[in-house]
């Protein structure tokens, strides 16, 4: 593992959920912004 030493600083039981939660939050924010700022996505999803 290339970044294996980070777990000497951050406990994996704290770091992994925090990392995965931040990735999920960023993905949801990006999807929300795309859905609200473009008109063609709503038309495409509506059929």
Protein backbone atom coordinates (compact mmCIF):
# COMPACT_ATOMS: atom_id res chain seq x y z
CA UNK A 1 0.00 0.00 0.00
CA UNK A 2 1.47 3.27 -1.13
CA UNK A 3 -0.07 5.46 1.59
CA UNK A 4 0.06 2.87 4.37
CA UNK A 5 1.70 5.14 6.94
CA UNK A 6 -1.39 7.33 7.23
CA UNK A 7 -2.88 4.68 9.53
CA UNK A 8 -0.10 5.41 12.03
CA UNK A 9 -1.65 8.87 12.43
CA UNK A 10 -5.36 8.14 11.90
CA UNK A 11 -7.12 5.10 13.32
CA UNK A 12 -8.67 3.02 10.47
CA UNK A 13 -11.97 2.71 12.34
CA UNK A 14 -12.26 6.51 12.14
CA UNK A 15 -10.48 7.20 8.86
CA UNK A 16 -12.22 4.72 6.57
CA UNK A 17 -15.82 5.76 7.37
CA UNK A 18 -14.78 9.40 7.18
CA UNK A 19 -13.13 8.87 3.79
CA UNK A 20 -16.00 6.83 2.35
CA UNK A 21 -18.56 9.26 3.74
CA UNK A 22 -16.80 12.22 2.15
CA UNK A 23 -16.61 10.43 -1.21
CA UNK A 24 -20.34 9.66 -1.04
CA UNK A 25 -21.19 13.24 -0.05
CA UNK A 26 -19.15 14.68 -2.93
CA UNK A 27 -20.82 12.29 -5.38
CA UNK A 28 -24.29 13.29 -4.15
CA UNK A 29 -23.43 16.99 -4.39
CA UNK A 30 -22.15 16.60 -7.95
CA UNK A 31 -25.23 14.65 -9.00
CA UNK A 32 -27.54 17.21 -7.40
CA UNK A 33 -25.76 20.08 -9.16
CA UNK A 34 -25.95 18.34 -12.52
CA UNK A 35 -29.64 17.55 -12.08
CA UNK A 36 -30.58 21.08 -11.05
CA UNK A 37 -28.39 23.08 -13.42
CA UNK A 38 -29.07 21.30 -16.73
CA UNK A 39 -32.35 21.05 -18.51
CA UNK A 40 -31.60 18.08 -20.72
CA UNK A 41 -31.04 15.68 -17.79
CA UNK A 42 -34.56 16.23 -16.45
CA UNK A 43 -35.99 15.75 -19.94
CA UNK A 44 -33.96 12.59 -20.43
CA UNK A 45 -34.97 11.16 -17.06
CA UNK A 46 -38.61 12.04 -17.67
CA UNK A 47 -38.70 10.04 -20.89
